[in-house]
Amino acid sequence: MSAHSTISRSHRVRNRIFVFLHRVGLPIGPIHLLTVPGRKSGLPRTTPVAPVVVDGVHYVLQAYPNSDWAKNARAAGQGVLTRGRRSQAVDLAEVPEAQRADILREFPRQNPLGVRAFVQNGLVDSPSPESFAAAAPRCTLFSATPRGAHT
């Protein structure tokens, strides 16, 4: 199974449309915006994500292998998760591979329209929850915990 590492021009345009709609207060579907500082420039970088909520915790996962947003999130360890005009500062922690399967199973249940990107990119074999669980070694996953909410 191959995994593509870049997004197409049409996806970049679509992402810009999602960002614009959120900024004017019109969120679409389960999409949120994740803004993290660039690891080289330090400038804010924003990308649409479709969080999965498990036991009250938001998780964001990477549909495009080697994407810059995941590298930036890993380096920064924090960001801002936005839905429409509501923003929440979050701490981003990469979930260890051994703990990803149960969370990944929830993605096709909670975001069925987002499954196609994972199949097209070769991260999963099918849209089934078990296929997502089996992709734990290939899918980077971050918990997005409200800043200051840690014990």
C-alpha atoms as a PDB file:
ATOM      1  CA  MET A   1       0.000   0.000   0.000  1.00  0.00           C
ATOM      2  CA  SER A   2       1.506   3.328  -0.996  1.00  0.00           C
ATOM      3  CA  ALA A   3       0.950   6.586   0.813  1.00  0.00           C
ATOM      4  CA  HIS A   4       0.974   9.845  -1.111  1.00  0.00           C
ATOM      5  CA  SER A   5       2.743  12.668   0.675  1.00  0.00           C
ATOM      6  CA  THR A   6       1.401  15.822  -0.943  1.00  0.00           C
ATOM      7  CA  ILE A   7      -2.017  17.245  -1.496  1.00  0.00           C
ATOM      8  CA  SER A   8      -3.228  18.169  -4.943  1.00  0.00           C
ATOM      9  CA  ARG A   9      -3.832  21.678  -6.184  1.00  0.00           C
ATOM     10  CA  SER A  10      -7.587  21.102  -6.000  1.00  0.00           C
ATOM     11  CA  HIS A  11      -7.271  20.086  -2.335  1.00  0.00           C
ATOM     12  CA  ARG A  12      -5.261  23.224  -1.572  1.00  0.00           C
ATOM     13  CA  VAL A  13      -8.006  25.328  -3.184  1.00  0.00           C
ATOM     14  CA  ARG A  14     -10.688  23.426  -1.262  1.00  0.00           C
ATOM     15  CA  ASN A  15      -8.762  23.961   1.984  1.00  0.00           C
ATOM     16  CA  ARG A  16      -8.606  27.716   1.323  1.00  0.00           C
ATOM     17  CA  ILE A  17     -12.370  27.756   0.776  1.00  0.00           C
ATOM     18  CA  PHE A  18     -12.947  25.956   4.099  1.00  0.00           C
ATOM     19  CA  VAL A  19     -10.659  28.429   5.878  1.00  0.00           C
ATOM     20  CA  PHE A  20     -12.483  31.387   4.315  1.00  0.00           C
ATOM     21  CA  LEU A  21     -15.930  30.021   5.237  1.00  0.00           C
ATOM     22  CA  HIS A  22     -14.861  29.436   8.840  1.00  0.00           C
ATOM     23  CA  ARG A  23     -13.418  32.918   9.123  1.00  0.00           C
ATOM     24  CA  VAL A  24     -16.727  34.456   8.065  1.00  0.00           C
ATOM     25  CA  GLY A  25     -18.558  32.227  10.569  1.00  0.00           C
ATOM     26  CA  LEU A  26     -19.898  29.510   8.239  1.00  0.00           C
ATOM     27  CA  PRO A  27     -18.447  26.156   9.295  1.00  0.00           C
ATOM     28  CA  ILE A  28     -19.247  23.162   7.103  1.00  0.00           C
ATOM     29  CA  GLY A  29     -19.826  19.609   8.310  1.00  0.00           C
ATOM     30  CA  PRO A  30     -17.445  18.345  10.990  1.00  0.00           C
ATOM     31  CA  ILE A  31     -14.611  20.556   9.760  1.00  0.00           C
ATOM     32  CA  HIS A  32     -12.601  22.621  12.250  1.00  0.00           C
ATOM     33  CA  LEU A  33      -9.526  24.706  11.567  1.00  0.00           C
ATOM     34  CA  LEU A  34      -6.280  23.854  13.283  1.00  0.00           C
ATOM     35  CA  THR A  35      -3.743  26.655  13.475  1.00  0.00           C
ATOM     36  CA  VAL A  36      -0.208  25.902  14.605  1.00  0.00           C
ATOM     37  CA  PRO A  37       3.006  27.900  14.340  1.00  0.00           C
ATOM     38  CA  GLY A  38       5.256  26.921  11.462  1.00  0.00           C
ATOM     39  CA  ARG A  39       8.272  24.999  12.715  1.00  0.00           C
ATOM     40  CA  LYS A  40      10.684  27.079  10.625  1.00  0.00           C
ATOM     41  CA  SER A  41       9.006  30.473  10.254  1.00  0.00           C
ATOM     42  CA  GLY A  42       6.969  30.563  13.459  1.00  0.00           C
ATOM     43  CA  LEU A  43       4.117  32.062  11.429  1.00  0.00           C
ATOM     44  CA  PRO A  44       0.611  30.665  12.040  1.00  0.00           C
ATOM     45  CA  ARG A  45      -0.369  27.914   9.588  1.00  0.00           C
ATOM     46  CA  THR A  46      -4.019  26.882   9.300  1.00  0.00           C
ATOM     47  CA  THR A  47      -5.443  23.669   7.900  1.00  0.00           C
ATOM     48  CA  PRO A  48      -8.940  22.129   7.926  1.00  0.00           C
ATOM     49  CA  VAL A  49      -9.267  19.012  10.073  1.00  0.00           C
ATOM     50  CA  ALA A  50     -12.179  16.763  11.020  1.00  0.00           C
ATOM     51  CA  PRO A  51     -11.730  15.931  14.706  1.00  0.00           C
ATOM     52  CA  VAL A  52     -12.927  12.719  16.275  1.00  0.00           C
ATOM     53  CA  VAL A  53     -14.348  13.050  19.788  1.00  0.00           C
ATOM     54  CA  VAL A  54     -13.807  10.083  22.109  1.00  0.00           C
ATOM     55  CA  ASP A  55     -14.658  10.340  25.812  1.00  0.00           C
ATOM     56  CA  GLY A  56     -14.900  14.114  25.472  1.00  0.00           C
ATOM     57  CA  VAL A  57     -11.406  14.500  23.991  1.00  0.00           C
ATOM     58  CA  HIS A  58     -10.892  15.900  20.494  1.00  0.00           C
ATOM     59  CA  TYR A  59      -8.409  14.047  18.312  1.00  0.00           C
ATOM     60  CA  VAL A  60      -7.090  15.218  14.957  1.00  0.00           C
ATOM     61  CA  LEU A  61      -5.598  12.813  12.478  1.00  0.00           C
ATOM     62  CA  GLN A  62      -3.498  13.158   9.403  1.00  0.00           C
ATOM     63  CA  ALA A  63      -5.086  12.139   6.093  1.00  0.00           C
ATOM     64  CA  TYR A  64      -2.057  13.142   4.045  1.00  0.00           C
ATOM     65  CA  PRO A  65       1.194  11.418   5.074  1.00  0.00           C
ATOM     66  CA  ASN A  66       4.142  13.702   5.788  1.00  0.00           C
ATOM     67  CA  SER A  67       1.906  16.782   5.798  1.00  0.00           C
ATOM     68  CA  ASP A  68       3.405  19.965   7.135  1.00  0.00           C
ATOM     69  CA  TRP A  69       0.614  20.628   9.618  1.00  0.00           C
ATOM     70  CA  ALA A  70       1.426  17.399  11.495  1.00  0.00           C
ATOM     71  CA  LYS A  71       5.142  18.207  11.526  1.00  0.00           C
ATOM     72  CA  ASN A  72       4.322  21.690  12.799  1.00  0.00           C
ATOM     73  CA  ALA A  73       1.945  20.338  15.462  1.00  0.00           C
ATOM     74  CA  ARG A  74       4.569  17.850  16.620  1.00  0.00           C
ATOM     75  CA  ALA A  75       7.187  20.611  16.900  1.00  0.00           C
ATOM     76  CA  ALA A  76       4.924  23.201  18.556  1.00  0.00           C
ATOM     77  CA  GLY A  77       2.909  20.968  20.875  1.00  0.00           C
ATOM     78  CA  GLN A  78       0.121  23.533  20.834  1.00  0.00           C
ATOM     79  CA  GLY A  79      -2.286  25.299  18.545  1.00  0.00           C
ATOM     80  CA  VAL A  80      -5.754  26.734  18.182  1.00  0.00           C
ATOM     81  CA  LEU A  81      -8.775  24.674  17.181  1.00  0.00           C
ATOM     82  CA  THR A  82     -11.514  26.782  15.580  1.00  0.00           C
ATOM     83  CA  ARG A  83     -15.093  26.013  14.611  1.00  0.00           C
ATOM     84  CA  GLY A  84     -16.776  28.943  12.909  1.00  0.00           C
ATOM     85  CA  ARG A  85     -16.001  31.974  15.070  1.00  0.00           C
ATOM     86  CA  ARG A  86     -15.247  29.994  18.250  1.00  0.00           C
ATOM     87  CA  SER A  87     -11.618  29.246  18.998  1.00  0.00           C
ATOM     88  CA  GLN A  88      -9.964  27.182  21.717  1.00  0.00           C
ATOM     89  CA  ALA A  89      -6.252  27.142  22.506  1.00  0.00           C
ATOM     90  CA  VAL A  90      -5.185  23.498  22.719  1.00  0.00           C
ATOM     91  CA  ASP A  91      -2.188  21.445  23.698  1.00  0.00           C
ATOM     92  CA  LEU A  92      -1.356  18.918  20.985  1.00  0.00           C
ATOM     93  CA  ALA A  93       0.126  15.600  22.042  1.00  0.00           C
ATOM     94  CA  GLU A  94       0.898  12.815  19.611  1.00  0.00           C
ATOM     95  CA  VAL A  95      -0.943   9.656  20.583  1.00  0.00           C
ATOM     96  CA  PRO A  96       1.334   6.610  20.853  1.00  0.00           C
ATOM     97  CA  GLU A  97       0.765   4.017  18.137  1.00  0.00           C
ATOM     98  CA  ALA A  98      -0.405   1.392  20.645  1.00  0.00           C
ATOM     99  CA  GLN A  99      -3.294   3.667  21.726  1.00  0.00           C
ATOM    100  CA  ARG A 100      -4.492   4.790  18.272  1.00  0.00           C
ATOM    101  CA  ALA A 101      -6.661   1.867  17.091  1.00  0.00           C
ATOM    102  CA  ASP A 102      -9.772   2.502  19.232  1.00  0.00           C
ATOM    103  CA  ILE A 103      -9.744   6.210  18.383  1.00  0.00           C
ATOM    104  CA  LEU A 104      -9.185   5.571  14.673  1.00  0.00           C
ATOM    105  CA  ARG A 105     -12.161   3.176  14.618  1.00  0.00           C
ATOM    106  CA  GLU A 106     -14.371   6.147  15.421  1.00  0.00           C
ATOM    107  CA  PHE A 107     -13.331   8.235  12.415  1.00  0.00           C
ATOM    108  CA  PRO A 108     -15.513   6.515   9.765  1.00  0.00           C
ATOM    109  CA  ARG A 109     -18.438   6.497  12.195  1.00  0.00           C
ATOM    110  CA  GLN A 110     -18.167  10.200  13.034  1.00  0.00           C
ATOM    111  CA  ASN A 111     -16.882  11.554   9.709  1.00  0.00           C
ATOM    112  CA  PRO A 112     -18.065   9.238   6.917  1.00  0.00           C
ATOM    113  CA  LEU A 113     -17.509  11.867   4.227  1.00  0.00           C
ATOM    114  CA  GLY A 114     -13.863  12.255   5.259  1.00  0.00           C
ATOM    115  CA  VAL A 115     -13.072   8.577   4.737  1.00  0.00           C
ATOM    116  CA  ARG A 116     -12.418   8.944   1.008  1.00  0.00           C
ATOM    117  CA  ALA A 117      -9.178  10.893   1.520  1.00  0.00           C
ATOM    118  CA  PHE A 118      -7.751   8.103   3.675  1.00  0.00           C
ATOM    119  CA  VAL A 119      -8.648   5.443   1.104  1.00  0.00           C
ATOM    120  CA  GLN A 120      -7.334   7.499  -1.837  1.00  0.00           C
ATOM    121  CA  ASN A 121      -4.059   8.206  -0.023  1.00  0.00           C
ATOM    122  CA  GLY A 122      -3.496   4.547   0.724  1.00  0.00           C
ATOM    123  CA  LEU A 123      -3.676   4.913   4.497  1.00  0.00           C
ATOM    124  CA  VAL A 124      -6.622   2.511   4.781  1.00  0.00           C
ATOM    125  CA  ASP A 125      -7.818  -0.350   2.582  1.00  0.00           C
ATOM    126  CA  SER A 126     -11.531   0.327   3.027  1.00  0.00           C
ATOM    127  CA  PRO A 127     -13.917   2.664   4.838  1.00  0.00           C
ATOM    128  CA  SER A 128     -14.510   0.148   7.633  1.00  0.00           C
ATOM    129  CA  PRO A 129     -13.702   0.950  11.272  1.00  0.00           C
ATOM    130  CA  GLU A 130     -11.412  -2.110  11.385  1.00  0.00           C
ATOM    131  CA  SER A 131      -9.432  -0.857   8.399  1.00  0.00           C
ATOM    132  CA  PHE A 132      -8.886   2.437  10.242  1.00  0.00           C
ATOM    133  CA  ALA A 133      -7.793   0.577  13.388  1.00  0.00           C
ATOM    134  CA  ALA A 134      -5.307  -1.441  11.319  1.00  0.00           C
ATOM    135  CA  ALA A 135      -3.858   1.837  10.005  1.00  0.00           C
ATOM    136  CA  ALA A 136      -2.601   2.882  13.452  1.00  0.00           C
ATOM    137  CA  PRO A 137       1.072   2.568  12.422  1.00  0.00           C
ATOM    138  CA  ARG A 138       0.467   4.844   9.392  1.00  0.00           C
ATOM    139  CA  CYS A 139      -1.930   7.468  10.777  1.00  0.00           C
ATOM    140  CA  THR A 140      -0.482  10.230  12.880  1.00  0.00           C
ATOM    141  CA  LEU A 141      -2.953  11.189  15.594  1.00  0.00           C
ATOM    142  CA  PHE A 142      -2.911  14.061  18.083  1.00  0.00           C
ATOM    143  CA  SER A 143      -5.046  14.731  21.119  1.00  0.00           C
ATOM    144  CA  ALA A 144      -6.199  18.346  21.234  1.00  0.00           C
ATOM    145  CA  THR A 145      -6.752  19.150  24.900  1.00  0.00           C
ATOM    146  CA  PRO A 146      -7.892  22.628  25.957  1.00  0.00           C
ATOM    147  CA  ARG A 147      -4.848  24.490  27.224  1.00  0.00           C
ATOM    148  CA  GLY A 148      -4.701  24.470  30.994  1.00  0.00           C
ATOM    149  CA  ALA A 149      -7.047  21.482  31.309  1.00  0.00           C
ATOM    150  CA  HIS A 150      -4.297  19.045  32.331  1.00  0.00           C
ATOM    151  CA  THR A 151      -4.107  17.659  35.837  1.00  0.00           C
END
